[in-house]
Amino acid sequence: MDNYSVYQHGNTIRFECSFFDYDKTRVNPQLVKFIIYNTKYEIVLETILGESNKVGIGSYFFDYITGKEIKKYFYEWYGEIDGTPSLMRGQFATKFI
């Protein structure tokens, strides 16, 4: 069974992520992206994040305003730390509640 959060469409969702090195120390990636995919793994949204999305060392957020679609999506945090990718993925759905 899939485990994901369901949000009301037309609402704002705040996604948060922290990046760590191999020693479990928070680290700022050289590149941070937030990506949303549909169920066909097609990119719906891709944005590069900067200082305005940073809340601390290695910690970032992104506010996503859902559309009126009633769908399931996948999201991905992508960070490059010394040229090496670091990924975190999850899923969510929107519907009229």
PDB file of N, CA and C in Angstrom:
ATOM      1  N   MET A   1       0.843  -1.180   0.000  1.00  0.00           N
ATOM      2  CA  MET A   1       0.000   0.000   0.000  1.00  0.00           C
ATOM      3  C   MET A   1       0.892   1.249   0.000  1.00  0.00           C
ATOM      4  N   ASP A   2       0.509   2.228  -0.812  1.00  0.00           N
ATOM      5  CA  ASP A   2       1.274   3.473  -0.883  1.00  0.00           C
ATOM      6  C   ASP A   2       1.072   4.296   0.379  1.00  0.00           C
ATOM      7  N   ASN A   3       2.120   4.975   0.791  1.00  0.00           N
ATOM      8  CA  ASN A   3       2.059   5.843   1.957  1.00  0.00           C
ATOM      9  C   ASN A   3       2.361   7.264   1.495  1.00  0.00           C
ATOM     10  N   TYR A   4       1.339   8.121   1.470  1.00  0.00           N
ATOM     11  CA  TYR A   4       1.537   9.491   1.033  1.00  0.00           C
ATOM     12  C   TYR A   4       0.499  10.394   1.675  1.00  0.00           C
ATOM     13  N   SER A   5       0.797  11.687   1.675  1.00  0.00           N
ATOM     14  CA  SER A   5      -0.111  12.677   2.247  1.00  0.00           C
ATOM     15  C   SER A   5      -1.086  13.153   1.178  1.00  0.00           C
ATOM     16  N   VAL A   6      -2.292  13.508   1.612  1.00  0.00           N
ATOM     17  CA  VAL A   6      -3.315  14.047   0.712  1.00  0.00           C
ATOM     18  C   VAL A   6      -3.612  15.472   1.147  1.00  0.00           C
ATOM     19  N   TYR A   7      -3.594  16.403   0.183  1.00  0.00           N
ATOM     20  CA  TYR A   7      -3.824  17.817   0.460  1.00  0.00           C
ATOM     21  C   TYR A   7      -5.022  18.316  -0.331  1.00  0.00           C
ATOM     22  N   GLN A   8      -5.665  19.344   0.179  1.00  0.00           N
ATOM     23  CA  GLN A   8      -6.774  19.977  -0.534  1.00  0.00           C
ATOM     24  C   GLN A   8      -6.224  20.707  -1.742  1.00  0.00           C
ATOM     25  N   HIS A   9      -6.882  20.526  -2.898  1.00  0.00           N
ATOM     26  CA  HIS A   9      -6.382  21.253  -4.062  1.00  0.00           C
ATOM     27  C   HIS A   9      -6.646  22.740  -3.890  1.00  0.00           C
ATOM     28  N   GLY A  10      -5.742  23.555  -4.435  1.00  0.00           N
ATOM     29  CA  GLY A  10      -5.820  24.993  -4.272  1.00  0.00           C
ATOM     30  C   GLY A  10      -5.120  25.496  -3.017  1.00  0.00           C
ATOM     31  N   ASN A  11      -4.464  24.607  -2.291  1.00  0.00           N
ATOM     32  CA  ASN A  11      -3.804  24.961  -1.044  1.00  0.00           C
ATOM     33  C   ASN A  11      -2.287  25.074  -1.272  1.00  0.00           C
ATOM     34  N   THR A  12      -1.576  25.591  -0.295  1.00  0.00           N
ATOM     35  CA  THR A  12      -0.118  25.680  -0.360  1.00  0.00           C
ATOM     36  C   THR A  12       0.491  24.597   0.529  1.00  0.00           C
ATOM     37  N   ILE A  13       1.435  23.875  -0.040  1.00  0.00           N
ATOM     38  CA  ILE A  13       2.147  22.817   0.686  1.00  0.00           C
ATOM     39  C   ILE A  13       3.580  23.290   0.885  1.00  0.00           C
ATOM     40  N   ARG A  14       4.089  23.210   2.088  1.00  0.00           N
ATOM     41  CA  ARG A  14       5.495  23.530   2.342  1.00  0.00           C
ATOM     42  C   ARG A  14       6.280  22.227   2.449  1.00  0.00           C
ATOM     43  N   PHE A  15       7.216  22.056   1.530  1.00  0.00           N
ATOM     44  CA  PHE A  15       8.123  20.916   1.539  1.00  0.00           C
ATOM     45  C   PHE A  15       9.435  21.365   2.172  1.00  0.00           C
ATOM     46  N   GLU A  16      10.036  20.485   2.970  1.00  0.00           N
ATOM     47  CA  GLU A  16      11.288  20.804   3.645  1.00  0.00           C
ATOM     48  C   GLU A  16      12.267  19.643   3.504  1.00  0.00           C
ATOM     49  N   CYS A  17      13.551  19.990   3.436  1.00  0.00           N
ATOM     50  CA  CYS A  17      14.576  18.953   3.295  1.00  0.00           C
ATOM     51  C   CYS A  17      15.886  19.450   3.887  1.00  0.00           C
ATOM     52  N   SER A  18      16.661  18.530   4.434  1.00  0.00           N
ATOM     53  CA  SER A  18      18.003  18.832   4.926  1.00  0.00           C
ATOM     54  C   SER A  18      18.985  17.893   4.244  1.00  0.00           C
ATOM     55  N   PHE A  19      20.148  18.431   3.914  1.00  0.00           N
ATOM     56  CA  PHE A  19      21.197  17.670   3.246  1.00  0.00           C
ATOM     57  C   PHE A  19      22.354  17.432   4.217  1.00  0.00           C
ATOM     58  N   PHE A  20      22.929  16.221   4.146  1.00  0.00           N
ATOM     59  CA  PHE A  20      24.008  15.816   5.040  1.00  0.00           C
ATOM     60  C   PHE A  20      25.145  15.207   4.233  1.00  0.00           C
ATOM     61  N   ASP A  21      26.357  15.298   4.773  1.00  0.00           N
ATOM     62  CA  ASP A  21      27.475  14.600   4.153  1.00  0.00           C
ATOM     63  C   ASP A  21      27.534  13.184   4.736  1.00  0.00           C
ATOM     64  N   TYR A  22      28.567  12.445   4.362  1.00  0.00           N
ATOM     65  CA  TYR A  22      28.669  11.055   4.815  1.00  0.00           C
ATOM     66  C   TYR A  22      28.938  10.934   6.308  1.00  0.00           C
ATOM     67  N   ASP A  23      29.354  12.023   6.945  1.00  0.00           N
ATOM     68  CA  ASP A  23      29.580  12.023   8.393  1.00  0.00           C
ATOM     69  C   ASP A  23      28.340  12.476   9.161  1.00  0.00           C
ATOM     70  N   LYS A  24      27.208  12.601   8.453  1.00  0.00           N
ATOM     71  CA  LYS A  24      25.922  13.016   9.044  1.00  0.00           C
ATOM     72  C   LYS A  24      25.952  14.467   9.538  1.00  0.00           C
ATOM     73  N   THR A  25      26.804  15.291   8.919  1.00  0.00           N
ATOM     74  CA  THR A  25      26.890  16.705   9.228  1.00  0.00           C
ATOM     75  C   THR A  25      26.123  17.482   8.164  1.00  0.00           C
ATOM     76  N   ARG A  26      25.286  18.428   8.594  1.00  0.00           N
ATOM     77  CA  ARG A  26      24.553  19.238   7.613  1.00  0.00           C
ATOM     78  C   ARG A  26      25.540  19.971   6.714  1.00  0.00           C
ATOM     79  N   VAL A  27      25.207  20.004   5.432  1.00  0.00           N
ATOM     80  CA  VAL A  27      26.083  20.633   4.452  1.00  0.00           C
ATOM     81  C   VAL A  27      25.235  21.344   3.401  1.00  0.00           C
ATOM     82  N   ASN A  28      25.730  22.475   2.920  1.00  0.00           N
ATOM     83  CA  ASN A  28      25.050  23.208   1.856  1.00  0.00           C
ATOM     84  C   ASN A  28      25.487  22.654   0.499  1.00  0.00           C
ATOM     85  N   PRO A  29      24.563  22.097  -0.267  1.00  0.00           N
ATOM     86  CA  PRO A  29      24.909  21.639  -1.613  1.00  0.00           C
ATOM     87  C   PRO A  29      25.259  22.829  -2.511  1.00  0.00           C
ATOM     88  N   GLN A  30      26.045  22.549  -3.542  1.00  0.00           N
ATOM     89  CA  GLN A  30      26.371  23.588  -4.506  1.00  0.00           C
ATOM     90  C   GLN A  30      25.170  23.888  -5.412  1.00  0.00           C
ATOM     91  N   LEU A  31      24.281  22.915  -5.566  1.00  0.00           N
ATOM     92  CA  LEU A  31      23.068  23.073  -6.378  1.00  0.00           C
ATOM     93  C   LEU A  31      21.921  22.384  -5.653  1.00  0.00           C
ATOM     94  N   VAL A  32      20.784  23.069  -5.528  1.00  0.00           N
ATOM     95  CA  VAL A  32      19.590  22.479  -4.915  1.00  0.00           C
ATOM     96  C   VAL A  32      18.419  22.697  -5.869  1.00  0.00           C
ATOM     97  N   LYS A  33      17.723  21.600  -6.191  1.00  0.00           N
ATOM     98  CA  LYS A  33      16.534  21.667  -7.034  1.00  0.00           C
ATOM     99  C   LYS A  33      15.364  21.017  -6.310  1.00  0.00           C
ATOM    100  N   PHE A  34      14.162  21.512  -6.621  1.00  0.00           N
ATOM    101  CA  PHE A  34      12.932  20.854  -6.189  1.00  0.00           C
ATOM    102  C   PHE A  34      12.175  20.516  -7.459  1.00  0.00           C
ATOM    103  N   ILE A  35      11.779  19.246  -7.594  1.00  0.00           N
ATOM    104  CA  ILE A  35      11.143  18.756  -8.817  1.00  0.00           C
ATOM    105  C   ILE A  35       9.860  18.032  -8.455  1.00  0.00           C
ATOM    106  N   ILE A  36       8.805  18.246  -9.245  1.00  0.00           N
ATOM    107  CA  ILE A  36       7.552  17.504  -9.099  1.00  0.00           C
ATOM    108  C   ILE A  36       7.291  16.765 -10.408  1.00  0.00           C
ATOM    109  N   TYR A  37       6.935  15.470 -10.268  1.00  0.00           N
ATOM    110  CA  TYR A  37       6.630  14.612 -11.411  1.00  0.00           C
ATOM    111  C   TYR A  37       5.174  14.164 -11.324  1.00  0.00           C
ATOM    112  N   ASN A  38       4.565  13.910 -12.489  1.00  0.00           N
ATOM    113  CA  ASN A  38       3.257  13.271 -12.488  1.00  0.00           C
ATOM    114  C   ASN A  38       3.457  11.756 -12.419  1.00  0.00           C
ATOM    115  N   THR A  39       2.379  11.001 -12.496  1.00  0.00           N
ATOM    116  CA  THR A  39       2.484   9.542 -12.356  1.00  0.00           C
ATOM    117  C   THR A  39       3.133   8.876 -13.562  1.00  0.00           C
ATOM    118  N   LYS A  40       3.344   9.630 -14.645  1.00  0.00           N
ATOM    119  CA  LYS A  40       4.071   9.109 -15.812  1.00  0.00           C
ATOM    120  C   LYS A  40       5.550   9.496 -15.736  1.00  0.00           C
ATOM    121  N   TYR A  41       5.962  10.045 -14.588  1.00  0.00           N
ATOM    122  CA  TYR A  41       7.329  10.492 -14.340  1.00  0.00           C
ATOM    123  C   TYR A  41       7.750  11.633 -15.269  1.00  0.00           C
ATOM    124  N   GLU A  42       6.777  12.412 -15.724  1.00  0.00           N
ATOM    125  CA  GLU A  42       7.047  13.611 -16.508  1.00  0.00           C
ATOM    126  C   GLU A  42       7.162  14.787 -15.542  1.00  0.00           C
ATOM    127  N   ILE A  43       8.106  15.674 -15.805  1.00  0.00           N
ATOM    128  CA  ILE A  43       8.318  16.815 -14.913  1.00  0.00           C
ATOM    129  C   ILE A  43       7.174  17.814 -15.049  1.00  0.00           C
ATOM    130  N   VAL A  44       6.536  18.109 -13.923  1.00  0.00           N
ATOM    131  CA  VAL A  44       5.471  19.100 -13.835  1.00  0.00           C
ATOM    132  C   VAL A  44       6.059  20.451 -13.435  1.00  0.00           C
ATOM    133  N   LEU A  45       7.066  20.407 -12.559  1.00  0.00           N
ATOM    134  CA  LEU A  45       7.712  21.608 -12.049  1.00  0.00           C
ATOM    135  C   LEU A  45       9.160  21.266 -11.727  1.00  0.00           C
ATOM    136  N   GLU A  46      10.068  22.158 -12.107  1.00  0.00           N
ATOM    137  CA  GLU A  46      11.469  22.014 -11.724  1.00  0.00           C
ATOM    138  C   GLU A  46      12.008  23.409 -11.456  1.00  0.00           C
ATOM    139  N   THR A  47      12.539  23.606 -10.269  1.00  0.00           N
ATOM    140  CA  THR A  47      13.049  24.921  -9.905  1.00  0.00           C
ATOM    141  C   THR A  47      14.351  24.785  -9.129  1.00  0.00           C
ATOM    142  N   ILE A  48      15.264  25.707  -9.399  1.00  0.00           N
ATOM    143  CA  ILE A  48      16.523  25.769  -8.662  1.00  0.00           C
ATOM    144  C   ILE A  48      16.309  26.700  -7.472  1.00  0.00           C
ATOM    145  N   LEU A  49      16.689  26.239  -6.300  1.00  0.00           N
ATOM    146  CA  LEU A  49      16.485  27.018  -5.086  1.00  0.00           C
ATOM    147  C   LEU A  49      17.743  27.775  -4.693  1.00  0.00           C
ATOM    148  N   GLY A  50      17.544  28.921  -4.066  1.00  0.00           N
ATOM    149  CA  GLY A  50      18.664  29.750  -3.635  1.00  0.00           C
ATOM    150  C   GLY A  50      18.562  30.117  -2.170  1.00  0.00           C
ATOM    151  N   GLU A  51      19.219  31.192  -1.821  1.00  0.00           N
ATOM    152  CA  GLU A  51      19.288  31.641  -0.431  1.00  0.00           C
ATOM    153  C   GLU A  51      17.905  31.952   0.155  1.00  0.00           C
ATOM    154  N   SER A  52      16.971  32.408  -0.670  1.00  0.00           N
ATOM    155  CA  SER A  52      15.643  32.749  -0.145  1.00  0.00           C
ATOM    156  C   SER A  52      14.863  31.512   0.302  1.00  0.00           C
ATOM    157  N   ASN A  53      15.299  30.326  -0.112  1.00  0.00           N
ATOM    158  CA  ASN A  53      14.661  29.072   0.303  1.00  0.00           C
ATOM    159  C   ASN A  53      15.456  28.336   1.368  1.00  0.00           C
ATOM    160  N   LYS A  54      16.500  28.963   1.865  1.00  0.00           N
ATOM    161  CA  LYS A  54      17.376  28.336   2.852  1.00  0.00           C
ATOM    162  C   LYS A  54      16.978  28.801   4.245  1.00  0.00           C
ATOM    163  N   VAL A  55      16.866  27.835   5.180  1.00  0.00           N
ATOM    164  CA  VAL A  55      16.498  28.186   6.554  1.00  0.00           C
ATOM    165  C   VAL A  55      17.638  27.956   7.535  1.00  0.00           C
ATOM    166  N   GLY A  56      18.703  27.359   7.068  1.00  0.00           N
ATOM    167  CA  GLY A  56      19.859  27.083   7.912  1.00  0.00           C
ATOM    168  C   GLY A  56      20.855  26.257   7.129  1.00  0.00           C
ATOM    169  N   ILE A  57      21.951  25.881   7.753  1.00  0.00           N
ATOM    170  CA  ILE A  57      22.956  25.088   7.056  1.00  0.00           C
ATOM    171  C   ILE A  57      22.333  23.786   6.557  1.00  0.00           C
ATOM    172  N   GLY A  58      22.335  23.611   5.252  1.00  0.00           N
ATOM    173  CA  GLY A  58      21.837  22.387   4.628  1.00  0.00           C
ATOM    174  C   GLY A  58      20.330  22.208   4.637  1.00  0.00           C
ATOM    175  N   SER A  59      19.565  23.177   5.148  1.00  0.00           N
ATOM    176  CA  SER A  59      18.108  23.037   5.255  1.00  0.00           C
ATOM    177  C   SER A  59      17.403  24.015   4.312  1.00  0.00           C
ATOM    178  N   TYR A  60      16.464  23.474   3.548  1.00  0.00           N
ATOM    179  CA  TYR A  60      15.756  24.251   2.532  1.00  0.00           C
ATOM    180  C   TYR A  60      14.262  23.965   2.593  1.00  0.00           C
ATOM    181  N   PHE A  61      13.477  24.884   2.022  1.00  0.00           N
ATOM    182  CA  PHE A  61      12.030  24.684   1.907  1.00  0.00           C
ATOM    183  C   PHE A  61      11.587  25.133   0.524  1.00  0.00           C
ATOM    184  N   PHE A  62      10.420  24.648   0.126  1.00  0.00           N
ATOM    185  CA  PHE A  62       9.778  25.116  -1.095  1.00  0.00           C
ATOM    186  C   PHE A  62       8.279  25.099  -0.873  1.00  0.00           C
ATOM    187  N   ASP A  63       7.612  26.208  -1.194  1.00  0.00           N
ATOM    188  CA  ASP A  63       6.153  26.303  -1.090  1.00  0.00           C
ATOM    189  C   ASP A  63       5.545  26.055  -2.457  1.00  0.00           C
ATOM    190  N   TYR A  64       4.695  25.040  -2.524  1.00  0.00           N
ATOM    191  CA  TYR A  64       4.042  24.650  -3.779  1.00  0.00           C
ATOM    192  C   TYR A  64       2.543  24.881  -3.648  1.00  0.00           C
ATOM    193  N   ILE A  65       1.991  25.642  -4.575  1.00  0.00           N
ATOM    194  CA  ILE A  65       0.552  25.889  -4.597  1.00  0.00           C
ATOM    195  C   ILE A  65      -0.075  24.872  -5.543  1.00  0.00           C
ATOM    196  N   THR A  66      -0.936  24.045  -4.998  1.00  0.00           N
ATOM    197  CA  THR A  66      -1.549  22.989  -5.802  1.00  0.00           C
ATOM    198  C   THR A  66      -2.572  23.574  -6.764  1.00  0.00           C
ATOM    199  N   GLY A  67      -2.729  22.907  -7.885  1.00  0.00           N
ATOM    200  CA  GLY A  67      -3.749  23.301  -8.845  1.00  0.00           C
ATOM    201  C   GLY A  67      -5.079  22.684  -8.471  1.00  0.00           C
ATOM    202  N   LYS A  68      -6.008  22.726  -9.390  1.00  0.00           N
ATOM    203  CA  LYS A  68      -7.327  22.157  -9.127  1.00  0.00           C
ATOM    204  C   LYS A  68      -7.438  20.712  -9.584  1.00  0.00           C
ATOM    205  N   GLU A  69      -6.327  20.156 -10.025  1.00  0.00           N
ATOM    206  CA  GLU A  69      -6.336  18.767 -10.451  1.00  0.00           C
ATOM    207  C   GLU A  69      -6.444  17.848  -9.237  1.00  0.00           C
ATOM    208  N   ILE A  70      -7.099  16.746  -9.417  1.00  0.00           N
ATOM    209  CA  ILE A  70      -7.182  15.734  -8.372  1.00  0.00           C
ATOM    210  C   ILE A  70      -6.279  14.600  -8.839  1.00  0.00           C
ATOM    211  N   LYS A  71      -5.054  14.630  -8.350  1.00  0.00           N
ATOM    212  CA  LYS A  71      -4.046  13.719  -8.873  1.00  0.00           C
ATOM    213  C   LYS A  71      -3.053  13.309  -7.790  1.00  0.00           C
ATOM    214  N   LYS A  72      -2.244  12.342  -8.154  1.00  0.00           N
ATOM    215  CA  LYS A  72      -1.124  11.902  -7.332  1.00  0.00           C
ATOM    216  C   LYS A  72       0.163  12.404  -7.995  1.00  0.00           C
ATOM    217  N   TYR A  73       1.115  12.834  -7.188  1.00  0.00           N
ATOM    218  CA  TYR A  73       2.376  13.367  -7.687  1.00  0.00           C
ATOM    219  C   TYR A  73       3.537  12.758  -6.912  1.00  0.00           C
ATOM    220  N   PHE A  74       4.724  12.870  -7.485  1.00  0.00           N
ATOM    221  CA  PHE A  74       5.970  12.522  -6.829  1.00  0.00           C
ATOM    222  C   PHE A  74       6.803  13.795  -6.725  1.00  0.00           C
ATOM    223  N   TYR A  75       7.525  13.949  -5.633  1.00  0.00           N
ATOM    224  CA  TYR A  75       8.426  15.091  -5.524  1.00  0.00           C
ATOM    225  C   TYR A  75       9.836  14.602  -5.255  1.00  0.00           C
ATOM    226  N   GLU A  76      10.789  15.439  -5.623  1.00  0.00           N
ATOM    227  CA  GLU A  76      12.191  15.080  -5.460  1.00  0.00           C
ATOM    228  C   GLU A  76      12.988  16.298  -5.016  1.00  0.00           C
ATOM    229  N   TRP A  77      13.768  16.108  -3.989  1.00  0.00           N
ATOM    230  CA  TRP A  77      14.791  17.072  -3.601  1.00  0.00           C
ATOM    231  C   TRP A  77      16.084  16.575  -4.223  1.00  0.00           C
ATOM    232  N   TYR A  78      16.752  17.457  -4.952  1.00  0.00           N
ATOM    233  CA  TYR A  78      18.005  17.099  -5.610  1.00  0.00           C
ATOM    234  C   TYR A  78      19.076  18.079  -5.152  1.00  0.00           C
ATOM    235  N   GLY A  79      20.159  17.561  -4.607  1.00  0.00           N
ATOM    236  CA  GLY A  79      21.272  18.398  -4.208  1.00  0.00           C
ATOM    237  C   GLY A  79      22.565  17.824  -4.745  1.00  0.00           C
ATOM    238  N   GLU A  80      23.480  18.695  -5.125  1.00  0.00           N
ATOM    239  CA  GLU A  80      24.810  18.244  -5.542  1.00  0.00           C
ATOM    240  C   GLU A  80      25.811  18.696  -4.495  1.00  0.00           C
ATOM    241  N   ILE A  81      26.466  17.720  -3.897  1.00  0.00           N
ATOM    242  CA  ILE A  81      27.462  17.968  -2.859  1.00  0.00           C
ATOM    243  C   ILE A  81      28.802  17.504  -3.411  1.00  0.00           C
ATOM    244  N   ASP A  82      29.677  18.447  -3.693  1.00  0.00           N
ATOM    245  CA  ASP A  82      30.982  18.159  -4.294  1.00  0.00           C
ATOM    246  C   ASP A  82      30.837  17.318  -5.566  1.00  0.00           C
ATOM    247  N   GLY A  83      29.841  17.664  -6.410  1.00  0.00           N
ATOM    248  CA  GLY A  83      29.632  16.987  -7.686  1.00  0.00           C
ATOM    249  C   GLY A  83      28.894  15.672  -7.595  1.00  0.00           C
ATOM    250  N   THR A  84      28.499  15.259  -6.398  1.00  0.00           N
ATOM    251  CA  THR A  84      27.800  13.988  -6.198  1.00  0.00           C
ATOM    252  C   THR A  84      26.340  14.253  -5.880  1.00  0.00           C
ATOM    253  N   PRO A  85      25.399  13.588  -6.581  1.00  0.00           N
ATOM    254  CA  PRO A  85      23.984  13.829  -6.307  1.00  0.00           C
ATOM    255  C   PRO A  85      23.526  13.238  -4.973  1.00  0.00           C
ATOM    256  N   SER A  86      22.618  13.955  -4.351  1.00  0.00           N
ATOM    257  CA  SER A  86      21.957  13.499  -3.129  1.00  0.00           C
ATOM    258  C   SER A  86      20.465  13.691  -3.357  1.00  0.00           C
ATOM    259  N   LEU A  87      19.691  12.612  -3.287  1.00  0.00           N
ATOM    260  CA  LEU A  87      18.262  12.654  -3.612  1.00  0.00           C
ATOM    261  C   LEU A  87      17.403  12.243  -2.431  1.00  0.00           C
ATOM    262  N   MET A  88      16.206  12.823  -2.387  1.00  0.00           N
ATOM    263  CA  MET A  88      15.178  12.395  -1.450  1.00  0.00           C
ATOM    264  C   MET A  88      13.855  12.528  -2.196  1.00  0.00           C
ATOM    265  N   ARG A  89      13.086  11.457  -2.244  1.00  0.00           N
ATOM    266  CA  ARG A  89      11.816  11.465  -2.975  1.00  0.00           C
ATOM    267  C   ARG A  89      10.665  11.093  -2.058  1.00  0.00           C
ATOM    268  N   GLY A  90       9.484  11.531  -2.463  1.00  0.00           N
ATOM    269  CA  GLY A  90       8.258  11.200  -1.761  1.00  0.00           C
ATOM    270  C   GLY A  90       7.091  11.369  -2.708  1.00  0.00           C
ATOM    271  N   GLN A  91       5.902  11.175  -2.183  1.00  0.00           N
ATOM    272  CA  GLN A  91       4.701  11.322  -3.010  1.00  0.00           C
ATOM    273  C   GLN A  91       3.606  11.995  -2.221  1.00  0.00           C
ATOM    274  N   PHE A  92       2.696  12.636  -2.960  1.00  0.00           N
ATOM    275  CA  PHE A  92       1.546  13.284  -2.356  1.00  0.00           C
ATOM    276  C   PHE A  92       0.415  13.283  -3.356  1.00  0.00           C
ATOM    277  N   ALA A  93      -0.773  13.580  -2.874  1.00  0.00           N
ATOM    278  CA  ALA A  93      -1.946  13.641  -3.747  1.00  0.00           C
ATOM    279  C   ALA A  93      -2.741  14.888  -3.393  1.00  0.00           C
ATOM    280  N   THR A  94      -3.499  15.372  -4.367  1.00  0.00           N
ATOM    281  CA  THR A  94      -4.407  16.486  -4.138  1.00  0.00           C
ATOM    282  C   THR A  94      -5.815  16.049  -4.510  1.00  0.00           C
ATOM    283  N   LYS A  95      -6.773  16.539  -3.744  1.00  0.00           N
ATOM    284  CA  LYS A  95      -8.169  16.252  -4.062  1.00  0.00           C
ATOM    285  C   LYS A  95      -9.056  17.254  -3.359  1.00  0.00           C
ATOM    286  N   PHE A  96     -10.298  17.308  -3.771  1.00  0.00           N
ATOM    287  CA  PHE A  96     -11.275  18.189  -3.130  1.00  0.00           C
ATOM    288  C   PHE A  96     -11.787  17.464  -1.889  1.00  0.00           C
ATOM    289  N   ILE A  97     -11.512  18.058  -0.723  1.00  0.00           N
ATOM    290  CA  ILE A  97     -11.919  17.434   0.542  1.00  0.00           C
ATOM    291  C   ILE A  97     -13.071  18.229   1.111  1.00  0.00           C
TER     292      ILE A  97
END
